[in-house]
Protein backbone atom coordinates (compact mmCIF):
# COMPACT_ATOMS: atom_id res chain seq x y z
CA MET A 1 85.56 106.80 57.36
CA ARG A 2 85.50 107.20 61.09
CA SER A 3 83.75 110.57 60.99
CA ASP A 4 80.75 108.90 59.51
CA LEU A 5 80.70 106.40 62.34
CA VAL A 6 80.93 109.18 64.89
CA PHE A 7 78.04 111.01 63.32
CA GLY A 8 76.05 107.74 63.23
CA ALA A 9 76.78 107.11 66.89
CA MET A 10 75.75 110.64 67.76
CA ALA A 11 72.19 109.78 66.66
CA ASN A 12 71.86 107.66 69.68
CA VAL A 13 74.13 109.50 72.09
CA SER A 14 73.57 113.24 71.93
CA ASN A 15 76.26 114.31 74.38
CA PRO A 16 79.80 114.16 72.65
CA TYR A 17 81.56 113.83 75.98
CA LEU A 18 79.30 110.86 76.95
CA LEU A 19 79.95 109.28 73.61
CA SER A 20 83.75 109.50 73.99
CA GLN A 21 83.60 108.05 77.53
CA LEU A 22 81.33 105.12 76.46
CA ALA A 23 83.33 104.50 73.31
CA SER A 24 86.63 104.48 75.16
CA LYS A 25 85.31 102.07 77.85
CA ALA A 26 83.69 99.79 75.37
CA ALA A 27 86.75 99.74 73.11
CA ARG A 28 88.91 98.68 76.14
CA LYS A 29 86.45 95.84 77.05
CA LEU A 30 86.04 94.54 73.48
CA HIS A 31 89.67 94.84 72.38
CA LYS A 32 91.40 91.46 71.55
CA SER A 33 95.14 91.28 71.69
CA GLY A 34 96.67 91.10 68.25
CA ALA A 35 94.05 93.17 66.68
CA ARG A 36 94.37 96.88 65.86
CA MET A 37 92.85 99.26 68.38
CA GLN A 38 91.58 101.34 65.40
CA ASP A 39 89.46 98.52 64.13
CA THR A 40 88.06 97.91 67.65
CA THR A 41 87.13 101.60 67.98
CA ASN A 42 85.42 101.50 64.55
CA ASP A 43 83.46 98.41 65.57
CA VAL A 44 82.38 100.04 68.78
CA LEU A 45 81.13 103.11 66.94
CA LEU A 46 79.32 101.03 64.41
CA ARG A 47 77.59 99.18 67.31
CA PHE A 48 76.64 102.54 68.87
CA SER A 49 75.04 103.68 65.64
CA ARG A 50 72.81 100.59 65.50
CA SER A 51 71.56 100.64 69.05
CA THR A 52 71.57 102.77 72.16
CA PRO A 53 74.75 102.07 74.18
CA ASN A 54 73.32 103.06 77.55
CA GLY A 55 70.51 100.55 77.28
CA CYS A 56 67.47 102.92 77.33
CA GLY A 57 66.05 105.37 74.87
CA GLN A 58 66.26 108.37 77.23
CA ALA A 59 67.91 108.41 80.50
CA LEU A 60 65.78 111.15 82.13
CA PRO A 61 62.56 111.95 80.21
CA GLN A 62 61.98 114.92 82.60
CA ARG A 63 64.22 117.04 84.57
CA PRO A 64 64.25 115.86 88.30
CA VAL A 65 62.96 118.35 90.83
CA VAL A 66 65.62 118.84 93.30
CA PRO A 67 65.57 121.68 95.91
CA PHE A 68 68.50 124.08 95.72
CA HIS A 69 68.53 124.79 99.35
CA SER A 70 67.59 122.68 102.27
CA ASN A 71 64.95 123.81 104.68
CA GLU A 72 66.98 122.92 107.67
CA THR A 73 68.15 125.84 110.01
CA ARG A 74 71.89 125.79 110.60
CA ARG A 75 73.10 125.62 114.08
CA ILE A 76 75.18 128.66 115.31
CA VAL A 77 78.50 127.61 116.79
CA PRO A 78 79.65 130.11 119.30
CA HIS A 79 83.18 131.43 118.67
CA LYS A 80 85.30 133.43 121.01
CA SER A 81 87.93 135.53 119.17
CA GLU A 82 91.22 135.99 120.84
CA VAL A 83 93.90 138.63 120.15
CA ALA A 84 97.19 137.15 119.11
CA PRO A 85 100.15 139.14 120.08
CA LEU A 86 102.50 140.08 117.19
CA PRO A 87 106.29 139.71 117.65
CA PRO A 88 108.27 142.93 118.03
CA VAL A 89 109.56 144.69 114.92
CA ARG A 90 113.24 144.02 114.57
CA GLN A 91 115.68 146.70 113.43
CA ILE A 92 116.61 146.84 109.81
CA SER A 93 120.56 146.54 109.47
CA ASN A 94 120.59 147.41 105.76
CA PRO A 95 121.11 151.20 105.31
CA LEU A 96 119.40 151.21 101.97
CA TRP A 97 116.21 149.81 103.50
CA GLU A 98 116.51 152.43 106.20
CA ALA A 99 116.81 155.23 103.68
CA ALA A 100 113.92 153.96 101.69
CA ARG A 101 111.75 153.80 104.91
CA VAL A 102 112.66 157.33 105.76
CA LEU A 103 112.05 158.70 102.30
CA GLY A 104 108.80 156.79 101.96
CA ALA A 105 107.44 158.10 105.32
């Protein structure tokens, strides 16, 4: 059953998303025309259960130390704000809008 193959492959690849990405890429590369894609996928999962697909036991044995913020000071760019003129308000020709404006005010 394929679920047994997936659980066997999860022993070497702990991240399910990574497993699906690696399995789909490997299945596309190893697929032969005329064969069923299901058989190729099963073969890939069987290979993953026997060995580590990414080539090493553990990609990152320790978490890398990366600073969250840089120590550089940011330059201040001067900006001069300008007042933009607004177009004049046009008269409303609909009497219902005029009545709503008068009642709302």
